[in-house]
């Protein structure tokens, strides 16, 4: 899909998106569906998972040194996260380490595909949270990596 130079509404059906699958975990840019000034959008659609016998099939622990990361969990079972349900949002600000919750890495070995659907935005500039967004904050979320 490319830009033809015109600005008009259009739709993108995430159910039609076929992400790449590799021998080992591929980084988020293979899921990128849009790029705009200041941010990119990735679609994590149902797909087969990595097929190397020793592949870790969930995203590795990382921090985004140049982007705030916002994930909207649309539907499915999110194998790398605990306590996430459809309609959940997470925000990982620049430089804050995050990744799979304890126990999800080993559990990922038994899976061959994922049926999750999520949308991620990585921003070029830090986000400023509104009072409404701060009111929905879960203060225990940063502790969820402790197991």
C-alpha atoms as a PDB file:
ATOM      1  CA  UNK A   1       0.000   0.000   0.000  1.00  0.00           C
ATOM      2  CA  UNK A   2       1.461   3.362  -0.920  1.00  0.00           C
ATOM      3  CA  UNK A   3       0.486   7.005  -0.781  1.00  0.00           C
ATOM      4  CA  UNK A   4      -0.789   8.427  -4.054  1.00  0.00           C
ATOM      5  CA  UNK A   5      -0.383  12.076  -3.003  1.00  0.00           C
ATOM      6  CA  UNK A   6      -4.044  12.708  -2.217  1.00  0.00           C
ATOM      7  CA  UNK A   7      -5.613  13.248   1.195  1.00  0.00           C
ATOM      8  CA  UNK A   8      -8.933  11.422   1.574  1.00  0.00           C
ATOM      9  CA  UNK A   9     -10.470   8.958   4.032  1.00  0.00           C
ATOM     10  CA  UNK A  10      -9.758   5.292   3.567  1.00  0.00           C
ATOM     11  CA  UNK A  11      -9.935   2.112   5.590  1.00  0.00           C
ATOM     12  CA  UNK A  12      -7.391  -0.507   6.494  1.00  0.00           C
ATOM     13  CA  UNK A  13      -8.722  -3.900   7.481  1.00  0.00           C
ATOM     14  CA  UNK A  14      -6.245  -5.407   9.945  1.00  0.00           C
ATOM     15  CA  UNK A  15      -7.747  -8.836   9.225  1.00  0.00           C
ATOM     16  CA  UNK A  16      -6.290  -8.574   5.716  1.00  0.00           C
ATOM     17  CA  UNK A  17      -2.769  -7.721   6.954  1.00  0.00           C
ATOM     18  CA  UNK A  18      -0.350 -10.635   6.627  1.00  0.00           C
ATOM     19  CA  UNK A  19       2.721  -9.974   8.784  1.00  0.00           C
ATOM     20  CA  UNK A  20       6.048 -11.581   8.063  1.00  0.00           C
ATOM     21  CA  UNK A  21       7.199 -14.567  10.093  1.00  0.00           C
ATOM     22  CA  UNK A  22      10.819 -15.582  10.471  1.00  0.00           C
ATOM     23  CA  UNK A  23      12.963 -18.309  11.868  1.00  0.00           C
ATOM     24  CA  UNK A  24      13.450 -16.128  14.958  1.00  0.00           C
ATOM     25  CA  UNK A  25      11.562 -13.122  16.344  1.00  0.00           C
ATOM     26  CA  UNK A  26      11.368 -10.269  13.860  1.00  0.00           C
ATOM     27  CA  UNK A  27      11.423  -6.690  15.218  1.00  0.00           C
ATOM     28  CA  UNK A  28       8.336  -4.424  15.073  1.00  0.00           C
ATOM     29  CA  UNK A  29       9.194  -2.644  11.782  1.00  0.00           C
ATOM     30  CA  UNK A  30       8.042  -5.765   9.895  1.00  0.00           C
ATOM     31  CA  UNK A  31       4.581  -5.035  11.345  1.00  0.00           C
ATOM     32  CA  UNK A  32       4.633  -1.354  10.331  1.00  0.00           C
ATOM     33  CA  UNK A  33       1.526  -0.403   8.376  1.00  0.00           C
ATOM     34  CA  UNK A  34       1.744   3.412   8.341  1.00  0.00           C
ATOM     35  CA  UNK A  35       4.373   6.092   8.777  1.00  0.00           C
ATOM     36  CA  UNK A  36       3.419   9.708   9.361  1.00  0.00           C
ATOM     37  CA  UNK A  37       5.329  12.766  10.474  1.00  0.00           C
ATOM     38  CA  UNK A  38       6.169  12.137  14.116  1.00  0.00           C
ATOM     39  CA  UNK A  39       5.054   8.529  14.515  1.00  0.00           C
ATOM     40  CA  UNK A  40       4.692   5.085  12.993  1.00  0.00           C
ATOM     41  CA  UNK A  41       1.849   2.623  13.380  1.00  0.00           C
ATOM     42  CA  UNK A  42       2.304  -1.147  13.577  1.00  0.00           C
ATOM     43  CA  UNK A  43      -0.393  -3.800  13.342  1.00  0.00           C
ATOM     44  CA  UNK A  44       0.148  -7.021  15.274  1.00  0.00           C
ATOM     45  CA  UNK A  45      -2.280  -9.334  13.490  1.00  0.00           C
ATOM     46  CA  UNK A  46      -2.851 -13.093  13.794  1.00  0.00           C
ATOM     47  CA  UNK A  47       0.180 -14.925  12.408  1.00  0.00           C
ATOM     48  CA  UNK A  48       2.378 -17.971  12.630  1.00  0.00           C
ATOM     49  CA  UNK A  49       5.150 -17.573  15.163  1.00  0.00           C
ATOM     50  CA  UNK A  50       8.876 -18.080  14.729  1.00  0.00           C
ATOM     51  CA  UNK A  51       9.705 -21.610  13.680  1.00  0.00           C
ATOM     52  CA  UNK A  52      13.277 -22.220  14.880  1.00  0.00           C
ATOM     53  CA  UNK A  53      13.173 -24.941  17.601  1.00  0.00           C
ATOM     54  CA  UNK A  54      14.868 -22.612  20.106  1.00  0.00           C
ATOM     55  CA  UNK A  55      13.099 -19.403  19.071  1.00  0.00           C
ATOM     56  CA  UNK A  56      11.667 -17.233  21.818  1.00  0.00           C
ATOM     57  CA  UNK A  57       8.297 -16.332  20.370  1.00  0.00           C
ATOM     58  CA  UNK A  58       7.534 -13.228  22.392  1.00  0.00           C
ATOM     59  CA  UNK A  59       9.186  -9.803  22.131  1.00  0.00           C
ATOM     60  CA  UNK A  60      12.443  -9.601  24.067  1.00  0.00           C
ATOM     61  CA  UNK A  61      13.032  -7.154  26.896  1.00  0.00           C
ATOM     62  CA  UNK A  62      13.889  -3.765  25.428  1.00  0.00           C
ATOM     63  CA  UNK A  63      13.547  -0.035  25.841  1.00  0.00           C
ATOM     64  CA  UNK A  64      12.692   2.457  23.158  1.00  0.00           C
ATOM     65  CA  UNK A  65      15.366   5.105  23.483  1.00  0.00           C
ATOM     66  CA  UNK A  66      13.856   7.332  20.789  1.00  0.00           C
ATOM     67  CA  UNK A  67      10.111   6.744  21.032  1.00  0.00           C
ATOM     68  CA  UNK A  68       7.157   6.528  23.364  1.00  0.00           C
ATOM     69  CA  UNK A  69       5.325   3.258  22.687  1.00  0.00           C
ATOM     70  CA  UNK A  70       1.542   2.997  22.966  1.00  0.00           C
ATOM     71  CA  UNK A  71      -0.207  -0.350  22.476  1.00  0.00           C
ATOM     72  CA  UNK A  72      -3.947  -0.838  22.084  1.00  0.00           C
ATOM     73  CA  UNK A  73      -4.958  -4.456  22.611  1.00  0.00           C
ATOM     74  CA  UNK A  74      -7.941  -5.101  20.336  1.00  0.00           C
ATOM     75  CA  UNK A  75      -8.597  -8.812  20.890  1.00  0.00           C
ATOM     76  CA  UNK A  76      -6.981 -12.179  21.512  1.00  0.00           C
ATOM     77  CA  UNK A  77      -4.613 -13.734  24.009  1.00  0.00           C
ATOM     78  CA  UNK A  78      -1.487 -11.619  24.398  1.00  0.00           C
ATOM     79  CA  UNK A  79       1.179 -14.204  25.088  1.00  0.00           C
ATOM     80  CA  UNK A  80       3.827 -11.821  26.373  1.00  0.00           C
ATOM     81  CA  UNK A  81       1.568  -9.935  28.785  1.00  0.00           C
ATOM     82  CA  UNK A  82      -0.368 -10.936  31.881  1.00  0.00           C
ATOM     83  CA  UNK A  83      -3.506  -9.096  32.934  1.00  0.00           C
ATOM     84  CA  UNK A  84      -4.107  -7.614  29.495  1.00  0.00           C
ATOM     85  CA  UNK A  85      -7.584  -7.865  28.043  1.00  0.00           C
ATOM     86  CA  UNK A  86      -9.353  -6.549  24.975  1.00  0.00           C
ATOM     87  CA  UNK A  87      -9.570  -2.772  25.161  1.00  0.00           C
ATOM     88  CA  UNK A  88      -6.435  -2.358  27.293  1.00  0.00           C
ATOM     89  CA  UNK A  89      -3.870   0.363  26.571  1.00  0.00           C
ATOM     90  CA  UNK A  90      -0.248   0.398  27.672  1.00  0.00           C
ATOM     91  CA  UNK A  91       2.241   3.240  27.491  1.00  0.00           C
ATOM     92  CA  UNK A  92       5.980   2.658  27.670  1.00  0.00           C
ATOM     93  CA  UNK A  93       7.756   6.042  27.724  1.00  0.00           C
ATOM     94  CA  UNK A  94      11.152   6.546  26.114  1.00  0.00           C
ATOM     95  CA  UNK A  95      13.934   4.689  27.892  1.00  0.00           C
ATOM     96  CA  UNK A  96      11.731   2.622  30.217  1.00  0.00           C
ATOM     97  CA  UNK A  97      12.612  -1.106  29.931  1.00  0.00           C
ATOM     98  CA  UNK A  98       9.729  -3.473  29.189  1.00  0.00           C
ATOM     99  CA  UNK A  99       9.174  -6.865  27.621  1.00  0.00           C
ATOM    100  CA  UNK A 100       7.587 -10.202  28.342  1.00  0.00           C
ATOM    101  CA  UNK A 101       6.183 -10.799  31.794  1.00  0.00           C
ATOM    102  CA  UNK A 102       7.865 -13.470  33.935  1.00  0.00           C
ATOM    103  CA  UNK A 103       6.986 -16.984  32.788  1.00  0.00           C
ATOM    104  CA  UNK A 104       5.764 -15.985  29.327  1.00  0.00           C
ATOM    105  CA  UNK A 105       9.096 -16.548  27.554  1.00  0.00           C
ATOM    106  CA  UNK A 106       9.294 -20.274  28.397  1.00  0.00           C
ATOM    107  CA  UNK A 107       5.572 -20.718  27.797  1.00  0.00           C
ATOM    108  CA  UNK A 108       5.991 -19.269  24.283  1.00  0.00           C
ATOM    109  CA  UNK A 109       7.962 -22.342  23.138  1.00  0.00           C
ATOM    110  CA  UNK A 110       4.778 -24.447  23.005  1.00  0.00           C
ATOM    111  CA  UNK A 111       2.901 -22.118  20.618  1.00  0.00           C
ATOM    112  CA  UNK A 112       2.981 -22.156  16.808  1.00  0.00           C
ATOM    113  CA  UNK A 113       0.747 -19.151  16.112  1.00  0.00           C
ATOM    114  CA  UNK A 114      -0.928 -16.196  17.753  1.00  0.00           C
ATOM    115  CA  UNK A 115      -4.455 -14.927  17.274  1.00  0.00           C
ATOM    116  CA  UNK A 116      -3.879 -11.552  18.910  1.00  0.00           C
ATOM    117  CA  UNK A 117      -4.741  -8.243  17.294  1.00  0.00           C
ATOM    118  CA  UNK A 118      -3.105  -5.087  18.595  1.00  0.00           C
ATOM    119  CA  UNK A 119      -2.132  -1.674  17.242  1.00  0.00           C
ATOM    120  CA  UNK A 120       1.071   0.074  18.309  1.00  0.00           C
ATOM    121  CA  UNK A 121       2.142   3.683  17.881  1.00  0.00           C
ATOM    122  CA  UNK A 122       5.774   4.703  18.312  1.00  0.00           C
ATOM    123  CA  UNK A 123       6.124   8.468  18.594  1.00  0.00           C
ATOM    124  CA  UNK A 124       9.056  10.638  17.620  1.00  0.00           C
ATOM    125  CA  UNK A 125       8.398  13.082  20.450  1.00  0.00           C
ATOM    126  CA  UNK A 126       7.419  12.380  24.074  1.00  0.00           C
ATOM    127  CA  UNK A 127       3.682  12.256  24.712  1.00  0.00           C
ATOM    128  CA  UNK A 128       1.997  14.632  27.121  1.00  0.00           C
ATOM    129  CA  UNK A 129      -0.711  12.878  29.077  1.00  0.00           C
ATOM    130  CA  UNK A 130      -4.063  14.516  29.717  1.00  0.00           C
ATOM    131  CA  UNK A 131      -5.765  14.529  33.097  1.00  0.00           C
ATOM    132  CA  UNK A 132      -8.203  11.946  31.701  1.00  0.00           C
ATOM    133  CA  UNK A 133      -5.346   9.620  30.701  1.00  0.00           C
ATOM    134  CA  UNK A 134      -3.639  10.006  34.069  1.00  0.00           C
ATOM    135  CA  UNK A 135      -6.925   9.165  35.819  1.00  0.00           C
ATOM    136  CA  UNK A 136      -6.923   5.767  34.047  1.00  0.00           C
ATOM    137  CA  UNK A 137      -3.345   4.930  35.050  1.00  0.00           C
ATOM    138  CA  UNK A 138      -2.789   1.622  36.826  1.00  0.00           C
ATOM    139  CA  UNK A 139      -0.095   2.361  39.440  1.00  0.00           C
ATOM    140  CA  UNK A 140       0.661  -1.364  39.750  1.00  0.00           C
ATOM    141  CA  UNK A 141       1.473  -1.845  36.071  1.00  0.00           C
ATOM    142  CA  UNK A 142       5.236  -1.188  36.476  1.00  0.00           C
ATOM    143  CA  UNK A 143       5.313  -3.888  39.182  1.00  0.00           C
ATOM    144  CA  UNK A 144       3.816  -6.498  36.821  1.00  0.00           C
ATOM    145  CA  UNK A 145       7.308  -7.577  35.704  1.00  0.00           C
ATOM    146  CA  UNK A 146       8.174  -8.751  39.193  1.00  0.00           C
ATOM    147  CA  UNK A 147       6.200 -11.983  38.758  1.00  0.00           C
END
